C-alpha atoms as a PDB file:
ATOM      1  CA  UNK A   1     -11.760  -4.117  31.717  1.00  0.00           C
ATOM      2  CA  UNK A   2     -15.269  -3.916  30.364  1.00  0.00           C
ATOM      3  CA  UNK A   3     -16.521  -0.942  28.409  1.00  0.00           C
ATOM      4  CA  UNK A   4     -19.557   0.006  26.365  1.00  0.00           C
ATOM      5  CA  UNK A   5     -19.300   1.693  22.988  1.00  0.00           C
ATOM      6  CA  UNK A   6     -21.733   2.706  20.270  1.00  0.00           C
ATOM      7  CA  UNK A   7     -21.024   1.794  16.659  1.00  0.00           C
ATOM      8  CA  UNK A   8     -23.134   1.865  13.513  1.00  0.00           C
ATOM      9  CA  UNK A   9     -25.177  -1.272  12.819  1.00  0.00           C
ATOM     10  CA  UNK A  10     -23.376  -2.037   9.560  1.00  0.00           C
ATOM     11  CA  UNK A  11     -19.946  -1.881  11.247  1.00  0.00           C
ATOM     12  CA  UNK A  12     -21.202  -4.137  14.035  1.00  0.00           C
ATOM     13  CA  UNK A  13     -22.474  -6.647  11.499  1.00  0.00           C
ATOM     14  CA  UNK A  14     -19.171  -6.649   9.610  1.00  0.00           C
ATOM     15  CA  UNK A  15     -17.322  -7.293  12.862  1.00  0.00           C
ATOM     16  CA  UNK A  16     -19.721 -10.118  13.704  1.00  0.00           C
ATOM     17  CA  UNK A  17     -19.147 -11.723  10.300  1.00  0.00           C
ATOM     18  CA  UNK A  18     -15.380 -11.398  10.685  1.00  0.00           C
ATOM     19  CA  UNK A  19     -15.495 -12.974  14.137  1.00  0.00           C
ATOM     20  CA  UNK A  20     -17.538 -15.933  12.843  1.00  0.00           C
ATOM     21  CA  UNK A  21     -15.335 -16.354   9.772  1.00  0.00           C
ATOM     22  CA  UNK A  22     -12.121 -16.356  11.839  1.00  0.00           C
ATOM     23  CA  UNK A  23     -13.543 -18.316  14.781  1.00  0.00           C
ATOM     24  CA  UNK A  24     -12.900 -15.481  17.227  1.00  0.00           C
ATOM     25  CA  UNK A  25     -14.997 -13.843  19.866  1.00  0.00           C
ATOM     26  CA  UNK A  26     -16.397 -10.368  19.284  1.00  0.00           C
ATOM     27  CA  UNK A  27     -14.214  -9.096  22.120  1.00  0.00           C
ATOM     28  CA  UNK A  28     -11.098 -10.518  20.504  1.00  0.00           C
ATOM     29  CA  UNK A  29     -11.914  -8.853  17.176  1.00  0.00           C
ATOM     30  CA  UNK A  30     -12.412  -5.492  18.901  1.00  0.00           C
ATOM     31  CA  UNK A  31      -9.229  -5.915  20.963  1.00  0.00           C
ATOM     32  CA  UNK A  32      -7.167  -6.689  17.864  1.00  0.00           C
ATOM     33  CA  UNK A  33      -8.705  -3.789  15.953  1.00  0.00           C
ATOM     34  CA  UNK A  34      -7.955  -1.316  18.745  1.00  0.00           C
ATOM     35  CA  UNK A  35      -4.406  -2.619  19.175  1.00  0.00           C
ATOM     36  CA  UNK A  36      -3.751  -2.229  15.441  1.00  0.00           C
ATOM     37  CA  UNK A  37      -5.248   1.276  15.467  1.00  0.00           C
ATOM     38  CA  UNK A  38      -3.052   2.341  18.389  1.00  0.00           C
ATOM     39  CA  UNK A  39       0.050   0.862  16.760  1.00  0.00           C
ATOM     40  CA  UNK A  40      -0.619   2.775  13.538  1.00  0.00           C
ATOM     41  CA  UNK A  41      -1.073   5.986  15.530  1.00  0.00           C
ATOM     42  CA  UNK A  42       2.205   5.368  17.390  1.00  0.00           C
ATOM     43  CA  UNK A  43       4.047   4.870  14.079  1.00  0.00           C
ATOM     44  CA  UNK A  44       2.531   8.084  12.738  1.00  0.00           C
ATOM     45  CA  UNK A  45       3.726   9.952  15.831  1.00  0.00           C
ATOM     46  CA  UNK A  46       7.280   8.664  15.294  1.00  0.00           C
ATOM     47  CA  UNK A  47       7.180   9.706  11.636  1.00  0.00           C
ATOM     48  CA  UNK A  48       5.909  13.172  12.582  1.00  0.00           C
ATOM     49  CA  UNK A  49       8.695  13.563  15.154  1.00  0.00           C
ATOM     50  CA  UNK A  50      11.323  12.523  12.615  1.00  0.00           C
ATOM     51  CA  UNK A  51       9.891  14.975  10.086  1.00  0.00           C
ATOM     52  CA  UNK A  52      10.136  17.796  12.656  1.00  0.00           C
ATOM     53  CA  UNK A  53      13.788  16.954  13.324  1.00  0.00           C
ATOM     54  CA  UNK A  54      14.573  16.868   9.611  1.00  0.00           C
ATOM     55  CA  UNK A  55      12.897  20.245   9.207  1.00  0.00           C
ATOM     56  CA  UNK A  56      15.230  21.628  11.881  1.00  0.00           C
ATOM     57  CA  UNK A  57      18.508  20.067  10.720  1.00  0.00           C
ATOM     58  CA  UNK A  58      17.855  19.915   6.995  1.00  0.00           C
ATOM     59  CA  UNK A  59      18.146  16.994   4.614  1.00  0.00           C
ATOM     60  CA  UNK A  60      21.222  17.899   2.587  1.00  0.00           C
ATOM     61  CA  UNK A  61      24.110  15.505   3.110  1.00  0.00           C
ATOM     62  CA  UNK A  62      27.493  16.967   3.866  1.00  0.00           C
ATOM     63  CA  UNK A  63      30.378  15.936   1.600  1.00  0.00           C
ATOM     64  CA  UNK A  64      31.820  13.469   4.135  1.00  0.00           C
ATOM     65  CA  UNK A  65      28.451  11.677   4.502  1.00  0.00           C
ATOM     66  CA  UNK A  66      27.920  11.623   0.741  1.00  0.00           C
ATOM     67  CA  UNK A  67      31.382  10.128   0.165  1.00  0.00           C
ATOM     68  CA  UNK A  68      30.822   7.522   2.884  1.00  0.00           C
ATOM     69  CA  UNK A  69      27.496   6.562   1.326  1.00  0.00           C
ATOM     70  CA  UNK A  70      29.127   6.196  -2.106  1.00  0.00           C
ATOM     71  CA  UNK A  71      31.862   3.953  -0.665  1.00  0.00           C
ATOM     72  CA  UNK A  72      29.285   1.821   1.126  1.00  0.00           C
ATOM     73  CA  UNK A  73      27.110   1.465  -1.956  1.00  0.00           C
ATOM     74  CA  UNK A  74      30.139   0.556  -4.066  1.00  0.00           C
ATOM     75  CA  UNK A  75      30.797  -2.402  -1.739  1.00  0.00           C
ATOM     76  CA  UNK A  76      27.198  -3.660  -1.800  1.00  0.00           C
ATOM     77  CA  UNK A  77      26.494  -6.585  -4.091  1.00  0.00           C
ATOM     78  CA  UNK A  78      23.261  -5.883  -5.945  1.00  0.00           C
END
């Protein structure tokens, strides 16, 4: 898929320098940058969803969970 985008001249030049330095095409640099950006956004969405769930159920451990965690930690070799 081909697309056209507008970016500031200084950002374009930095991308050009990176491509030359790493021996990559401009397209490859932009593809990798977009993939990394999307991955970071996906991780943020997961974190936000987990935060919403924790807000609903609370974060205090019940006594059974706390005791199980203590037993597990006691068996872990640090």
